[in-house]
N, C-alpha and C. Protein backbone atom coordinates (compact mmCIF):
# COMPACT_ATOMS: atom_id res chain seq x y z
N MET A 1 138.92 96.46 57.05
CA MET A 1 138.23 95.91 57.83
C MET A 1 139.10 95.00 58.97
N ARG A 2 140.01 94.23 58.24
CA ARG A 2 140.74 93.39 59.08
C ARG A 2 141.48 94.43 60.20
N ALA A 3 142.18 95.54 59.66
CA ALA A 3 142.85 96.23 60.45
C ALA A 3 141.88 96.85 61.59
N LEU A 4 140.74 97.30 61.37
CA LEU A 4 139.87 97.85 62.40
C LEU A 4 139.45 96.80 63.44
N VAL A 5 139.18 95.32 63.05
CA VAL A 5 138.91 94.48 64.26
C VAL A 5 140.14 94.05 64.73
N SER A 6 141.17 94.04 64.29
CA SER A 6 142.26 93.84 65.12
C SER A 6 142.76 94.91 65.99
N ARG A 7 142.46 95.96 65.77
CA ARG A 7 142.66 97.23 66.69
C ARG A 7 141.41 97.26 67.85
N PHE A 8 139.96 96.65 67.35
CA PHE A 8 139.24 96.32 68.30
C PHE A 8 139.31 95.05 69.45
N ALA A 9 139.93 94.08 68.78
CA ALA A 9 140.42 92.86 69.50
C ALA A 9 141.38 93.46 70.61
N GLU A 10 142.29 94.23 70.29
CA GLU A 10 143.19 94.78 71.43
C GLU A 10 142.47 95.53 72.32
N HIS A 11 141.48 96.46 71.94
CA HIS A 11 140.52 97.31 73.02
C HIS A 11 139.89 96.20 73.79
N LEU A 12 139.42 95.00 73.27
CA LEU A 12 138.61 94.01 74.07
C LEU A 12 139.61 93.33 75.04
N LYS A 13 140.73 93.18 74.89
CA LYS A 13 141.72 92.51 75.91
C LYS A 13 141.69 93.18 77.19
N MET A 14 141.39 94.68 77.03
CA MET A 14 141.11 95.21 78.60
C MET A 14 139.91 94.79 79.41
N PHE A 15 138.95 93.66 78.59
CA PHE A 15 137.97 93.50 79.42
C PHE A 15 137.95 92.25 79.74
N GLU A 16 139.15 91.37 80.07
CA GLU A 16 139.40 89.91 80.30
C GLU A 16 138.13 89.40 81.31
N GLN A 17 138.26 90.29 82.65
CA GLN A 17 137.51 89.70 83.56
C GLN A 17 136.04 89.62 83.04
N GLN A 18 135.28 90.62 82.35
CA GLN A 18 134.07 90.82 81.80
C GLN A 18 133.95 89.23 80.82
N LEU A 19 134.79 89.32 79.87
CA LEU A 19 134.83 88.19 79.08
C LEU A 19 134.57 86.89 79.62
N ARG A 20 135.51 86.69 80.37
CA ARG A 20 135.44 85.35 81.34
C ARG A 20 134.31 85.09 82.17
N CYS A 21 133.86 86.15 82.63
CA CYS A 21 132.66 86.22 83.50
C CYS A 21 131.36 85.86 82.50
N PHE A 22 131.21 86.22 81.36
CA PHE A 22 130.23 85.94 80.48
C PHE A 22 130.21 84.53 80.33
N HIS A 23 131.34 83.82 80.01
CA HIS A 23 131.73 82.55 79.78
C HIS A 23 131.11 81.83 81.06
N LYS A 24 131.75 82.07 82.22
CA LYS A 24 131.30 81.31 83.53
C LYS A 24 130.10 81.15 83.47
N TYR A 25 129.15 82.23 83.30
CA TYR A 25 127.77 82.18 83.77
C TYR A 25 126.96 81.89 82.26
N GLU A 26 127.59 81.23 81.08
CA GLU A 26 127.03 80.78 80.25
C GLU A 26 126.00 82.11 79.54
N SER A 27 126.38 83.18 79.32
CA SER A 27 126.04 84.38 78.82
C SER A 27 126.36 84.77 77.57
N GLN A 28 125.35 85.16 76.57
CA GLN A 28 125.52 85.98 75.44
C GLN A 28 124.86 87.16 75.62
N VAL A 29 126.15 88.12 75.53
CA VAL A 29 125.88 89.70 75.85
C VAL A 29 125.95 90.51 74.69
N GLU A 30 125.21 90.08 73.62
CA GLU A 30 125.13 90.93 72.30
C GLU A 30 125.23 92.48 72.73
N GLY A 31 124.38 93.01 73.65
CA GLY A 31 124.17 94.33 73.87
C GLY A 31 125.37 95.06 74.33
N TRP A 32 126.15 94.17 75.21
CA TRP A 32 127.45 94.71 75.73
C TRP A 32 128.36 94.77 74.39
N LEU A 33 128.40 94.03 73.57
CA LEU A 33 129.40 93.73 72.57
C LEU A 33 129.13 95.15 71.54
N LYS A 34 127.76 95.39 71.44
CA LYS A 34 127.47 96.61 70.64
C LYS A 34 127.84 97.88 71.21
N GLY A 35 127.61 97.96 72.49
CA GLY A 35 127.95 99.09 73.37
C GLY A 35 129.63 99.46 73.16
N GLU A 36 130.02 98.33 73.27
CA GLU A 36 131.76 98.28 73.31
C GLU A 36 132.28 98.72 71.97
N LEU A 37 131.53 98.22 71.00
CA LEU A 37 131.84 98.60 69.50
C LEU A 37 131.68 99.96 69.38
N LEU A 38 130.45 100.48 69.50
CA LEU A 38 130.12 101.86 69.36
C LEU A 38 131.30 102.86 70.02
N CYS A 39 131.63 102.82 71.43
CA CYS A 39 132.68 103.62 72.11
C CYS A 39 133.79 103.38 71.14
N PHE A 40 134.23 102.37 70.76
CA PHE A 40 135.46 101.74 69.85
C PHE A 40 135.41 102.55 68.67
N LEU A 41 134.25 102.69 67.98
CA LEU A 41 134.35 103.34 66.68
C LEU A 41 134.27 104.78 66.70
N GLU A 42 133.75 105.52 67.72
CA GLU A 42 133.69 106.59 67.94
C GLU A 42 135.40 107.19 68.10
N GLN A 43 136.08 106.50 69.03
CA GLN A 43 137.34 106.89 68.98
C GLN A 43 138.15 106.62 67.70
N GLU A 44 137.86 105.65 67.00
CA GLU A 44 138.53 105.44 65.75
C GLU A 44 138.24 106.67 64.69
N LYS A 45 136.86 107.08 64.90
CA LYS A 45 136.43 108.28 63.91
C LYS A 45 137.27 109.57 64.51
N VAL A 46 137.32 109.82 65.70
CA VAL A 46 138.14 110.88 66.38
C VAL A 46 139.54 110.72 65.77
N ALA A 47 140.17 109.69 65.93
CA ALA A 47 141.41 109.41 65.44
C ALA A 47 141.73 109.73 64.21
N GLY A 48 140.85 109.76 63.37
CA GLY A 48 140.64 109.69 61.90
C GLY A 48 140.77 108.72 61.07
N ARG A 49 140.47 107.67 61.64
CA ARG A 49 140.73 106.03 60.93
C ARG A 49 139.36 105.61 60.20
N LEU A 50 138.36 106.63 60.67
CA LEU A 50 137.15 106.00 60.16
C LEU A 50 136.30 107.18 59.89
N PRO A 51 135.95 107.62 58.53
CA PRO A 51 135.33 108.80 58.33
C PRO A 51 133.87 108.90 58.97
N HIS A 52 133.15 107.59 58.79
CA HIS A 52 131.67 107.55 59.25
C HIS A 52 131.24 106.30 59.60
N PHE A 53 130.13 106.05 60.53
CA PHE A 53 129.75 104.84 60.84
C PHE A 53 128.32 105.19 61.52
N GLU A 54 127.47 104.25 61.23
CA GLU A 54 126.09 104.60 61.84
C GLU A 54 125.62 102.87 62.69
N ARG A 55 124.80 103.13 63.62
CA ARG A 55 124.36 101.91 64.34
C ARG A 55 122.84 101.65 63.60
N GLU A 56 122.36 100.56 64.05
CA GLU A 56 121.00 100.32 63.49
C GLU A 56 120.38 101.06 62.31
N LYS A 57 121.31 101.18 61.15
CA LYS A 57 120.86 101.68 60.16
C LYS A 57 119.65 100.98 59.52
N VAL A 58 118.84 101.91 58.91
CA VAL A 58 117.62 101.08 58.25
C VAL A 58 117.99 101.17 56.78
N VAL A 59 117.76 99.85 56.19
CA VAL A 59 117.83 99.63 55.15
C VAL A 59 116.52 99.25 54.38
N ARG A 60 116.16 99.86 53.15
CA ARG A 60 115.05 99.71 52.47
C ARG A 60 115.15 98.48 51.34
N ILE A 61 114.39 97.45 51.49
CA ILE A 61 114.29 96.34 50.28
C ILE A 61 112.78 96.40 49.80
N GLY A 62 112.69 97.10 48.63
CA GLY A 62 111.42 97.30 48.13
C GLY A 62 110.60 97.98 48.92
N ASP A 63 109.45 97.33 49.58
CA ASP A 63 108.67 97.95 50.48
C ASP A 63 108.76 97.70 51.95
N LYS A 64 109.90 96.74 52.12
CA LYS A 64 110.30 96.29 53.26
C LYS A 64 111.45 97.16 53.94
N ARG A 65 111.53 97.20 55.26
CA ARG A 65 112.69 97.73 55.91
C ARG A 65 113.58 96.80 57.00
N MET A 66 114.68 96.83 56.78
CA MET A 66 115.50 95.99 57.93
C MET A 66 116.47 96.68 58.56
N ASN A 67 116.91 96.39 59.73
CA ASN A 67 118.14 97.02 60.69
C ASN A 67 119.30 96.27 60.29
N VAL A 68 120.25 97.15 60.07
CA VAL A 68 121.63 96.42 59.94
C VAL A 68 122.56 96.88 61.41
N ASP A 69 123.07 95.99 61.99
CA ASP A 69 123.56 96.42 63.19
C ASP A 69 124.88 97.48 63.28
N VAL A 70 125.67 97.80 62.28
CA VAL A 70 126.59 98.58 61.82
C VAL A 70 126.58 98.94 60.58
N VAL A 71 127.00 99.98 60.17
CA VAL A 71 127.36 100.51 58.91
C VAL A 71 128.52 101.35 58.67
N LEU A 72 129.49 101.00 58.15
CA LEU A 72 130.91 101.74 58.05
C LEU A 72 131.33 102.20 56.73
N GLN A 73 131.87 103.33 56.81
CA GLN A 73 132.25 103.74 55.52
C GLN A 73 133.99 104.16 55.78
N PHE A 74 134.72 103.33 54.96
CA PHE A 74 136.11 103.77 55.22
C PHE A 74 136.71 104.93 54.23
N ASP A 75 135.99 105.24 53.36
CA ASP A 75 136.43 106.30 52.37
C ASP A 75 135.68 107.44 52.29
N LYS A 76 136.22 108.77 52.40
CA LYS A 76 135.43 109.88 52.77
C LYS A 76 134.79 110.47 51.42
N SER A 77 135.08 109.80 50.34
CA SER A 77 134.58 110.06 49.00
C SER A 77 133.13 109.83 48.73
N ARG A 78 132.69 111.00 48.40
CA ARG A 78 130.76 110.85 47.92
C ARG A 78 130.74 109.42 47.19
N GLY A 79 129.79 108.55 47.59
CA GLY A 79 129.31 107.48 46.93
C GLY A 79 130.15 106.23 47.32
N SER A 80 131.36 106.08 48.05
CA SER A 80 132.14 105.28 48.32
C SER A 80 131.37 103.93 48.87
N PRO A 81 131.80 102.73 48.70
CA PRO A 81 131.14 101.66 49.15
C PRO A 81 130.94 101.81 50.77
N LEU A 82 129.78 100.98 51.18
CA LEU A 82 129.85 100.85 52.66
C LEU A 82 130.04 99.62 52.71
N SER A 83 130.42 99.15 54.28
CA SER A 83 130.31 97.95 54.87
C SER A 83 129.44 97.63 55.88
N PHE A 84 128.50 96.56 55.54
CA PHE A 84 127.48 96.40 56.34
C PHE A 84 127.74 95.22 57.31
N VAL A 85 127.78 95.26 58.68
CA VAL A 85 128.03 94.40 59.53
C VAL A 85 127.01 93.99 60.41
N GLU A 86 126.78 92.75 60.60
CA GLU A 86 125.93 92.25 61.56
C GLU A 86 126.65 91.65 62.73
N LEU A 87 126.38 91.86 64.12
CA LEU A 87 127.21 91.51 65.26
C LEU A 87 126.39 90.35 66.04
N LYS A 88 127.22 89.20 66.50
CA LYS A 88 126.79 88.20 67.09
C LYS A 88 127.73 87.97 68.44
N HIS A 89 127.01 87.29 69.40
CA HIS A 89 128.06 86.84 70.33
C HIS A 89 127.58 85.61 70.92
N TRP A 90 128.78 84.49 70.63
CA TRP A 90 128.35 82.93 70.80
C TRP A 90 129.10 82.71 72.06
N HIS A 91 128.30 81.94 73.15
CA HIS A 91 128.92 81.11 74.02
C HIS A 91 129.66 80.10 73.45
N ILE A 92 130.79 79.57 73.99
CA ILE A 92 131.42 78.36 73.28
C ILE A 92 131.69 77.39 74.57
N GLY A 93 130.78 76.27 74.69
CA GLY A 93 130.96 75.37 75.92
C GLY A 93 129.68 74.96 76.26
N THR A 94 129.17 74.67 77.52
CA THR A 94 128.40 73.95 77.86
C THR A 94 127.27 74.84 78.41
N GLN A 95 126.12 75.04 78.01
CA GLN A 95 125.09 75.97 78.55
C GLN A 95 123.88 75.28 78.85
N LYS A 96 123.51 75.06 80.19
CA LYS A 96 122.32 74.62 80.43
C LYS A 96 122.42 73.09 79.94
N ASN A 97 123.55 72.32 80.17
CA ASN A 97 123.92 70.98 79.76
C ASN A 97 124.14 70.64 78.43
N ASP A 98 123.80 71.46 77.60
CA ASP A 98 124.28 71.28 76.20
C ASP A 98 125.50 71.89 75.78
N TYR A 99 126.21 71.12 75.01
CA TYR A 99 127.46 71.89 74.34
C TYR A 99 127.20 72.63 73.12
N TYR A 100 127.79 73.91 73.03
CA TYR A 100 127.68 74.71 71.70
C TYR A 100 129.27 75.10 71.38
N GLY A 101 129.45 74.76 70.31
CA GLY A 101 130.68 75.13 69.46
C GLY A 101 130.44 75.77 68.33
N PRO A 102 131.71 76.30 67.60
CA PRO A 102 131.22 76.89 66.40
C PRO A 102 130.36 75.94 65.29
N GLN A 103 130.58 74.75 65.30
CA GLN A 103 129.77 73.74 64.28
C GLN A 103 128.19 74.03 64.66
N TRP A 104 127.98 74.02 65.94
CA TRP A 104 126.45 74.09 66.42
C TRP A 104 125.97 75.25 65.78
N TYR A 105 126.66 76.50 65.97
CA TYR A 105 126.11 77.78 65.73
C TYR A 105 125.94 77.86 64.11
N PHE A 106 127.12 77.23 63.44
CA PHE A 106 127.21 77.32 61.83
C PHE A 106 126.12 76.60 61.09
N LYS A 107 125.62 75.48 61.89
CA LYS A 107 124.70 74.63 61.10
C LYS A 107 123.53 74.84 61.44
N ASP A 108 123.18 75.56 62.72
CA ASP A 108 121.80 75.84 63.16
C ASP A 108 121.14 76.69 62.10
N PRO A 109 120.13 76.63 61.48
CA PRO A 109 119.43 77.43 60.65
C PRO A 109 119.10 78.98 60.93
N THR A 110 118.86 78.90 62.21
CA THR A 110 118.39 80.31 63.01
C THR A 110 119.50 81.12 63.50
N CYS A 111 120.80 80.46 63.26
CA CYS A 111 121.88 81.34 63.66
C CYS A 111 122.67 82.09 62.60
N ALA A 112 123.84 81.73 62.18
CA ALA A 112 124.64 82.35 61.10
C ALA A 112 123.76 82.45 59.89
N LYS A 113 123.07 81.44 59.32
CA LYS A 113 122.27 81.52 58.28
C LYS A 113 121.46 82.54 58.00
N ARG A 114 120.69 82.83 59.08
CA ARG A 114 119.63 83.78 59.12
C ARG A 114 120.24 85.48 58.87
N ASP A 115 121.37 85.35 59.42
CA ASP A 115 122.30 86.62 59.22
C ASP A 115 122.77 87.02 57.78
N VAL A 116 123.37 85.80 57.26
CA VAL A 116 124.07 85.96 55.87
C VAL A 116 122.83 86.29 55.01
N GLU A 117 121.49 85.58 55.31
CA GLU A 117 120.61 85.90 53.98
C GLU A 117 120.18 87.35 54.34
N LYS A 118 120.15 87.65 55.47
CA LYS A 118 119.67 89.22 55.72
C LYS A 118 120.62 89.89 54.79
N LEU A 119 121.80 89.91 55.05
CA LEU A 119 122.98 91.09 54.72
C LEU A 119 123.02 90.76 53.16
N LEU A 120 122.66 89.27 52.56
CA LEU A 120 122.60 89.22 51.10
C LEU A 120 121.49 89.99 50.35
N LYS A 121 120.53 90.42 51.18
CA LYS A 121 119.11 91.13 50.61
C LYS A 121 119.59 92.47 50.14
N ILE A 122 120.74 92.97 50.84
CA ILE A 122 120.96 94.57 50.63
C ILE A 122 121.51 94.48 49.31
N PRO A 123 120.76 95.54 48.57
CA PRO A 123 121.13 95.64 47.06
C PRO A 123 122.41 96.63 46.89
N ASP A 124 122.82 97.18 47.94
CA ASP A 124 124.09 98.04 47.93
C ASP A 124 125.23 97.05 47.60
N GLY A 125 126.15 97.66 46.73
CA GLY A 125 127.25 96.84 46.26
C GLY A 125 128.50 96.64 47.36
N GLY A 126 128.27 97.27 48.54
CA GLY A 126 129.24 97.56 49.59
C GLY A 126 129.28 95.76 50.17
N ASP A 127 130.34 95.82 51.02
CA ASP A 127 130.70 94.35 51.46
C ASP A 127 129.91 94.37 52.78
N LYS A 128 129.67 92.78 52.67
CA LYS A 128 128.89 92.51 53.89
C LYS A 128 129.79 91.48 54.69
N PHE A 129 129.43 91.76 56.37
CA PHE A 129 130.50 90.83 57.37
C PHE A 129 129.54 90.49 58.52
N MET A 130 129.81 89.45 58.99
CA MET A 130 129.40 89.10 60.49
C MET A 130 130.53 89.40 61.18
N LEU A 131 130.67 89.81 62.30
CA LEU A 131 131.53 89.91 63.27
C LEU A 131 130.86 89.28 64.51
N VAL A 132 131.63 88.18 64.97
CA VAL A 132 131.20 87.43 65.95
C VAL A 132 132.22 87.28 67.12
N LEU A 133 131.74 87.77 68.44
CA LEU A 133 132.49 87.48 69.43
C LEU A 133 132.29 86.12 70.17
N LEU A 134 133.00 85.35 70.49
CA LEU A 134 133.14 84.09 70.90
C LEU A 134 133.78 83.91 72.43
N THR A 135 133.05 83.75 73.21
CA THR A 135 133.60 83.55 74.54
C THR A 135 133.32 82.14 75.14
N LYS A 136 134.21 81.48 75.06
CA LYS A 136 135.72 81.49 74.69
C LYS A 136 136.37 81.38 73.44
N ASN A 137 137.75 81.27 73.61
CA ASN A 137 138.28 81.16 72.13
C ASN A 137 138.19 79.57 71.77
N PRO A 138 137.63 79.04 70.36
CA PRO A 138 137.12 77.79 70.36
C PRO A 138 138.61 77.14 69.73
N GLY A 139 139.45 78.11 69.34
CA GLY A 139 140.75 77.18 68.77
C GLY A 139 140.54 76.96 67.17
N PRO A 140 141.71 77.28 66.58
CA PRO A 140 141.48 77.14 64.88
C PRO A 140 140.91 76.16 64.31
N GLU A 141 141.03 74.85 64.81
CA GLU A 141 140.41 73.82 64.35
C GLU A 141 138.84 73.72 64.18
N ASP A 142 138.30 74.02 65.48
CA ASP A 142 136.98 74.09 65.70
C ASP A 142 136.23 75.21 64.93
N TRP A 143 137.05 76.51 64.80
CA TRP A 143 136.37 77.42 63.90
C TRP A 143 136.45 77.17 62.71
N SER A 144 137.60 76.55 62.27
CA SER A 144 137.59 76.16 60.55
C SER A 144 136.72 75.19 60.35
N CYS A 145 136.24 74.26 61.18
CA CYS A 145 135.28 73.15 60.97
C CYS A 145 133.93 73.55 60.88
N GLY A 146 133.70 74.59 61.70
CA GLY A 146 132.34 75.23 61.63
C GLY A 146 131.99 76.16 60.54
N VAL A 147 133.07 76.94 59.96
CA VAL A 147 133.06 77.51 58.81
C VAL A 147 132.82 76.85 57.59
N ASN A 148 133.50 75.57 57.56
CA ASN A 148 133.52 74.69 56.44
C ASN A 148 132.04 73.82 56.43
N GLU A 149 131.87 73.68 57.79
CA GLU A 149 130.31 72.94 57.79
C GLU A 149 129.24 74.01 57.37
N PHE A 150 129.28 75.19 57.45
CA PHE A 150 128.32 76.30 57.05
C PHE A 150 128.39 76.15 55.54
N ASN A 151 129.44 76.35 54.85
CA ASN A 151 129.76 76.21 53.40
C ASN A 151 129.04 74.97 52.69
N ILE A 152 129.12 74.00 53.50
CA ILE A 152 128.62 72.55 53.14
C ILE A 152 127.34 72.46 53.22
N LYS A 153 126.73 72.87 54.19
CA LYS A 153 125.21 72.71 54.79
C LYS A 153 124.35 73.80 53.95
N PHE A 154 125.13 74.96 53.57
CA PHE A 154 123.93 75.92 52.74
C PHE A 154 124.84 76.22 51.61
N PRO A 155 124.62 75.44 50.54
CA PRO A 155 125.32 75.38 49.42
C PRO A 155 125.35 76.85 48.41
N ARG A 156 124.30 77.53 48.63
CA ARG A 156 123.89 78.85 47.87
C ARG A 156 124.66 79.86 48.59
N LEU A 157 125.17 79.56 50.04
CA LEU A 157 125.60 81.00 50.61
C LEU A 157 127.19 80.65 50.86
N LEU A 158 128.00 81.73 51.50
CA LEU A 158 129.27 81.43 51.43
C LEU A 158 129.81 82.32 52.57
N VAL A 159 130.73 81.80 53.31
CA VAL A 159 131.38 82.56 54.32
C VAL A 159 132.74 82.51 54.15
N ARG A 160 133.44 83.38 54.55
CA ARG A 160 134.96 82.97 54.51
C ARG A 160 135.72 83.97 55.69
N SER A 161 136.29 83.27 56.54
CA SER A 161 136.80 83.80 57.74
C SER A 161 138.05 84.67 57.47
N LEU A 162 138.15 85.74 57.93
CA LEU A 162 139.29 86.86 57.77
C LEU A 162 140.08 86.80 59.05
N THR A 163 139.62 86.20 60.09
CA THR A 163 140.51 86.13 61.37
C THR A 163 140.90 84.82 61.85
N ASP A 164 141.91 84.53 62.51
CA ASP A 164 142.37 83.40 62.94
C ASP A 164 142.13 83.27 64.64
N PRO A 165 141.57 82.25 65.16
CA PRO A 165 141.54 82.05 66.65
C PRO A 165 143.02 81.91 67.16
N GLY A 166 143.99 81.48 66.57
CA GLY A 166 145.42 81.23 66.98
C GLY A 166 146.08 82.69 67.19
N ASP A 167 145.39 83.85 66.69
CA ASP A 167 145.82 85.18 67.19
C ASP A 167 145.28 85.74 68.36
N TYR A 168 144.80 84.87 68.93
CA TYR A 168 143.85 85.49 70.03
C TYR A 168 144.09 84.81 71.48
N PRO A 169 143.83 85.58 72.69
CA PRO A 169 144.02 84.67 73.99
C PRO A 169 143.03 83.68 74.07
N ASP A 170 142.99 82.98 75.15
CA ASP A 170 141.94 81.95 75.59
C ASP A 170 140.50 82.38 75.84
N PHE A 171 140.47 83.45 76.12
CA PHE A 171 139.24 83.72 76.72
C PHE A 171 138.22 84.44 75.63
N PHE A 172 138.77 84.63 74.43
CA PHE A 172 137.80 85.46 73.43
C PHE A 172 138.14 84.98 72.13
N PHE A 173 137.39 85.39 71.11
CA PHE A 173 138.10 85.31 69.62
C PHE A 173 136.81 86.18 68.99
N LEU A 174 137.46 87.10 68.05
CA LEU A 174 136.38 87.79 67.19
C LEU A 174 136.52 87.40 65.69
N GLY A 175 135.42 86.72 65.65
CA GLY A 175 135.35 85.97 64.24
C GLY A 175 134.86 87.00 63.11
N LEU A 176 135.84 87.42 62.13
CA LEU A 176 135.28 88.51 61.34
C LEU A 176 135.12 87.43 59.98
N LEU A 177 133.91 87.22 59.34
CA LEU A 177 133.49 86.50 58.45
C LEU A 177 132.82 87.36 57.37
N HIS A 178 133.37 87.46 56.07
CA HIS A 178 133.09 88.07 54.80
C HIS A 178 131.99 87.17 54.20
N VAL A 179 130.74 87.68 53.82
CA VAL A 179 129.50 87.00 53.53
C VAL A 179 129.42 87.27 52.07
N GLY A 180 129.08 86.25 51.40
CA GLY A 180 128.66 86.18 50.12
C GLY A 180 127.81 84.85 49.64
N ALA A 181 127.43 85.21 48.37
CA ALA A 181 126.62 84.08 47.72
C ALA A 181 127.44 83.34 46.88
N ARG A 182 127.46 82.12 46.71
CA ARG A 182 128.17 81.05 45.77
C ARG A 182 127.78 81.20 44.62
N GLN A 183 128.62 81.29 43.66
CA GLN A 183 128.29 81.31 42.17
C GLN A 183 128.07 79.92 41.87
N ALA A 184 127.20 79.61 40.93
CA ALA A 184 126.95 78.36 40.19
C ALA A 184 128.31 77.64 40.01
N GLY A 185 128.19 76.35 40.60
CA GLY A 185 129.36 75.57 39.98
C GLY A 185 130.70 75.84 40.81
N ALA A 186 130.62 76.70 41.57
CA ALA A 186 131.84 77.34 42.59
C ALA A 186 132.20 76.10 43.38
N ASP A 187 133.55 75.95 43.55
CA ASP A 187 133.86 75.12 44.83
C ASP A 187 133.76 75.64 46.16
N ILE A 188 133.52 75.02 47.11
CA ILE A 188 133.56 75.34 48.46
C ILE A 188 135.08 75.46 48.86
N PRO A 189 135.30 76.60 49.54
CA PRO A 189 136.71 77.34 49.82
C PRO A 189 137.20 76.49 51.03
N CYS A 190 138.43 75.77 51.17
CA CYS A 190 138.81 75.43 52.22
C CYS A 190 139.50 76.34 53.22
N VAL A 191 138.86 76.30 54.59
CA VAL A 191 139.40 77.41 55.27
C VAL A 191 140.19 76.97 56.51
N GLY A 192 141.17 77.41 57.02
CA GLY A 192 142.07 76.91 57.69
C GLY A 192 143.21 76.06 57.52
N GLY A 193 143.95 75.25 58.40
CA GLY A 193 144.93 74.57 58.10
C GLY A 193 145.31 73.92 57.01
């Protein structure tokens, strides 16, 4: 998954003008992110690096249905685990006179928490991820503080960052978060520096 996200980051570097524009106009354009990701995943499939993917996959949980943004299958073998991915686009900076940084998004129960809980409802044994496009790059310290705040504020849930803002340009960051539930009595992992 990390290698795939690294290649997607290289793809997104071609869209510096668009990413800077999204930031300038204080916009979160999740639909654009999903569109670019689908085109990129198709290229990965054609290149033989990704056997299968689905968008808006319907997952049944009892008598309820929910959609997952993207489901990936990295191994062609029958019954191989799937990776479930929820997508987000977060504007970093001032938006309508209020400041939004990683800590705000991670602490707000209607943002990351909602998607983490959604992913944890999926009974399949595959990995669960959030892929967050941040425009602009918040820097390693703010990102790590946000991840740590989430893990403290929501003690039954756990996110672990698999990417580092220090590896990205100033105009964007792709935050890849592995999602899980914390085991009773487990310590909160320290993320970052």
